[in-house]
Amino acid sequence: MTRMKTLKTGSANLTKDIEAPPRGSSRATDIVYDGRLLDDIHGADQKNYVATIARLRNLPVTVLHPGHESPFDGTRLREITDAYIATRP
């Protein structure tokens, strides 16, 4: 049995969980994925979403399983998060 550590976040429009199983594989539900990150939908809290993305960037992830699109590695996670943060005030 794999034990999961759940990191509570308050992302764009509702609270999401990041499940972080051992050995660097994580599941990020709808928080981050390899596509346009949606922070402008109805009810979104962009400031909180930016903080969540910044927090995700620093996780020691080797494989991230997003809720949408294909899994990617920690290098791609940092590319996605850095590009997103660079476009926000």
C-alpha atoms as a PDB file:
ATOM      1  CA  MET A   1       0.000   0.000   0.000  1.00  0.00           C
ATOM      2  CA  THR A   2       1.293   3.440  -0.961  1.00  0.00           C
ATOM      3  CA  ARG A   3       0.798   6.209   1.539  1.00  0.00           C
ATOM      4  CA  MET A   4       0.074   9.618   0.100  1.00  0.00           C
ATOM      5  CA  LYS A   5       0.848  12.987   1.596  1.00  0.00           C
ATOM      6  CA  THR A   6      -1.831  15.536   0.714  1.00  0.00           C
ATOM      7  CA  LEU A   7      -0.833  19.179   0.493  1.00  0.00           C
ATOM      8  CA  LYS A   8      -3.831  21.460   0.916  1.00  0.00           C
ATOM      9  CA  THR A   9      -3.872  24.385  -1.467  1.00  0.00           C
ATOM     10  CA  GLY A  10      -6.351  27.116  -2.166  1.00  0.00           C
ATOM     11  CA  SER A  11      -6.064  27.380  -5.919  1.00  0.00           C
ATOM     12  CA  ALA A  12      -8.009  29.363  -8.497  1.00  0.00           C
ATOM     13  CA  ASN A  13     -11.628  28.748  -7.627  1.00  0.00           C
ATOM     14  CA  LEU A  14     -11.736  26.008  -5.029  1.00  0.00           C
ATOM     15  CA  THR A  15      -9.462  24.058  -2.749  1.00  0.00           C
ATOM     16  CA  LYS A  16      -7.448  21.396  -4.524  1.00  0.00           C
ATOM     17  CA  ASP A  17      -5.208  18.673  -3.212  1.00  0.00           C
ATOM     18  CA  ILE A  18      -1.762  17.721  -4.383  1.00  0.00           C
ATOM     19  CA  GLU A  19      -1.139  14.080  -3.615  1.00  0.00           C
ATOM     20  CA  ALA A  20       2.535  13.414  -3.134  1.00  0.00           C
ATOM     21  CA  PRO A  21       3.350   9.718  -2.914  1.00  0.00           C
ATOM     22  CA  PRO A  22       6.880   8.628  -2.057  1.00  0.00           C
ATOM     23  CA  ARG A  23       9.697   8.631  -4.601  1.00  0.00           C
ATOM     24  CA  GLY A  24       8.837  11.911  -6.308  1.00  0.00           C
ATOM     25  CA  SER A  25       5.695  10.936  -8.207  1.00  0.00           C
ATOM     26  CA  SER A  26       2.808  13.352  -7.622  1.00  0.00           C
ATOM     27  CA  ARG A  27      -0.743  13.907  -8.794  1.00  0.00           C
ATOM     28  CA  ALA A  28      -1.784  17.542  -9.176  1.00  0.00           C
ATOM     29  CA  THR A  29      -5.499  17.261 -10.074  1.00  0.00           C
ATOM     30  CA  ASP A  30      -6.511  20.485 -11.887  1.00  0.00           C
ATOM     31  CA  ILE A  31      -3.814  22.758 -10.508  1.00  0.00           C
ATOM     32  CA  VAL A  32      -1.098  22.410 -13.137  1.00  0.00           C
ATOM     33  CA  TYR A  33      -0.945  20.620 -16.473  1.00  0.00           C
ATOM     34  CA  ASP A  34       0.924  20.982 -19.762  1.00  0.00           C
ATOM     35  CA  GLY A  35      -1.411  23.504 -21.364  1.00  0.00           C
ATOM     36  CA  ARG A  36      -2.768  27.004 -20.760  1.00  0.00           C
ATOM     37  CA  LEU A  37      -3.343  27.356 -17.025  1.00  0.00           C
ATOM     38  CA  LEU A  38      -6.827  28.698 -16.422  1.00  0.00           C
ATOM     39  CA  ASP A  39      -6.741  31.429 -13.809  1.00  0.00           C
ATOM     40  CA  ASP A  40      -9.357  33.661 -15.405  1.00  0.00           C
ATOM     41  CA  ILE A  41     -12.443  31.492 -15.023  1.00  0.00           C
ATOM     42  CA  HIS A  42     -15.477  32.598 -13.018  1.00  0.00           C
ATOM     43  CA  GLY A  43     -14.669  32.725  -9.297  1.00  0.00           C
ATOM     44  CA  ALA A  44     -10.916  32.343  -9.781  1.00  0.00           C
ATOM     45  CA  ASP A  45      -8.556  33.835  -7.227  1.00  0.00           C
ATOM     46  CA  GLN A  46      -5.534  34.648  -9.378  1.00  0.00           C
ATOM     47  CA  LYS A  47      -3.331  35.806  -6.490  1.00  0.00           C
ATOM     48  CA  ASN A  48      -3.895  32.542  -4.638  1.00  0.00           C
ATOM     49  CA  TYR A  49      -3.373  30.518  -7.832  1.00  0.00           C
ATOM     50  CA  VAL A  50      -0.013  32.218  -8.465  1.00  0.00           C
ATOM     51  CA  ALA A  51       1.044  31.365  -4.895  1.00  0.00           C
ATOM     52  CA  THR A  52      -0.047  27.749  -5.397  1.00  0.00           C
ATOM     53  CA  ILE A  53       1.891  27.449  -8.659  1.00  0.00           C
ATOM     54  CA  ALA A  54       4.979  28.903  -6.960  1.00  0.00           C
ATOM     55  CA  ARG A  55       4.640  26.356  -4.163  1.00  0.00           C
ATOM     56  CA  LEU A  56       4.326  23.496  -6.666  1.00  0.00           C
ATOM     57  CA  ARG A  57       7.432  24.650  -8.514  1.00  0.00           C
ATOM     58  CA  ASN A  58       9.625  23.782  -5.551  1.00  0.00           C
ATOM     59  CA  LEU A  59       8.338  20.253  -4.939  1.00  0.00           C
ATOM     60  CA  PRO A  60      10.939  17.516  -5.541  1.00  0.00           C
ATOM     61  CA  VAL A  61       8.881  15.902  -8.312  1.00  0.00           C
ATOM     62  CA  THR A  62      10.271  13.365 -10.763  1.00  0.00           C
ATOM     63  CA  VAL A  63       6.883  12.613 -12.387  1.00  0.00           C
ATOM     64  CA  LEU A  64       3.749  14.740 -12.151  1.00  0.00           C
ATOM     65  CA  HIS A  65       0.365  13.265 -13.088  1.00  0.00           C
ATOM     66  CA  PRO A  66      -1.968  16.171 -13.879  1.00  0.00           C
ATOM     67  CA  GLY A  67      -5.740  15.908 -14.044  1.00  0.00           C
ATOM     68  CA  HIS A  68      -5.501  16.879 -17.723  1.00  0.00           C
ATOM     69  CA  GLU A  69      -2.944  16.066 -20.428  1.00  0.00           C
ATOM     70  CA  SER A  70      -0.007  13.651 -20.120  1.00  0.00           C
ATOM     71  CA  PRO A  71       2.372  13.186 -17.165  1.00  0.00           C
ATOM     72  CA  PHE A  72       5.625  15.146 -17.217  1.00  0.00           C
ATOM     73  CA  ASP A  73       8.847  15.376 -15.240  1.00  0.00           C
ATOM     74  CA  GLY A  74      10.136  17.883 -12.705  1.00  0.00           C
ATOM     75  CA  THR A  75      12.065  19.818 -15.338  1.00  0.00           C
ATOM     76  CA  ARG A  76       8.867  20.360 -17.349  1.00  0.00           C
ATOM     77  CA  LEU A  77       7.018  21.307 -14.140  1.00  0.00           C
ATOM     78  CA  ARG A  78       9.543  24.074 -13.494  1.00  0.00           C
ATOM     79  CA  GLU A  79       9.307  25.244 -17.132  1.00  0.00           C
ATOM     80  CA  ILE A  80       5.502  25.457 -16.932  1.00  0.00           C
ATOM     81  CA  THR A  81       5.452  27.166 -13.544  1.00  0.00           C
ATOM     82  CA  ASP A  82       8.251  29.606 -14.416  1.00  0.00           C
ATOM     83  CA  ALA A  83       6.539  30.593 -17.691  1.00  0.00           C
ATOM     84  CA  TYR A  84       3.213  31.081 -15.929  1.00  0.00           C
ATOM     85  CA  ILE A  85       4.659  33.143 -13.047  1.00  0.00           C
ATOM     86  CA  ALA A  86       6.605  35.332 -15.502  1.00  0.00           C
ATOM     87  CA  THR A  87       3.315  36.441 -17.102  1.00  0.00           C
ATOM     88  CA  ARG A  88       1.669  37.469 -13.825  1.00  0.00           C
ATOM     89  CA  PRO A  89       2.214  40.657 -11.778  1.00  0.00           C
END
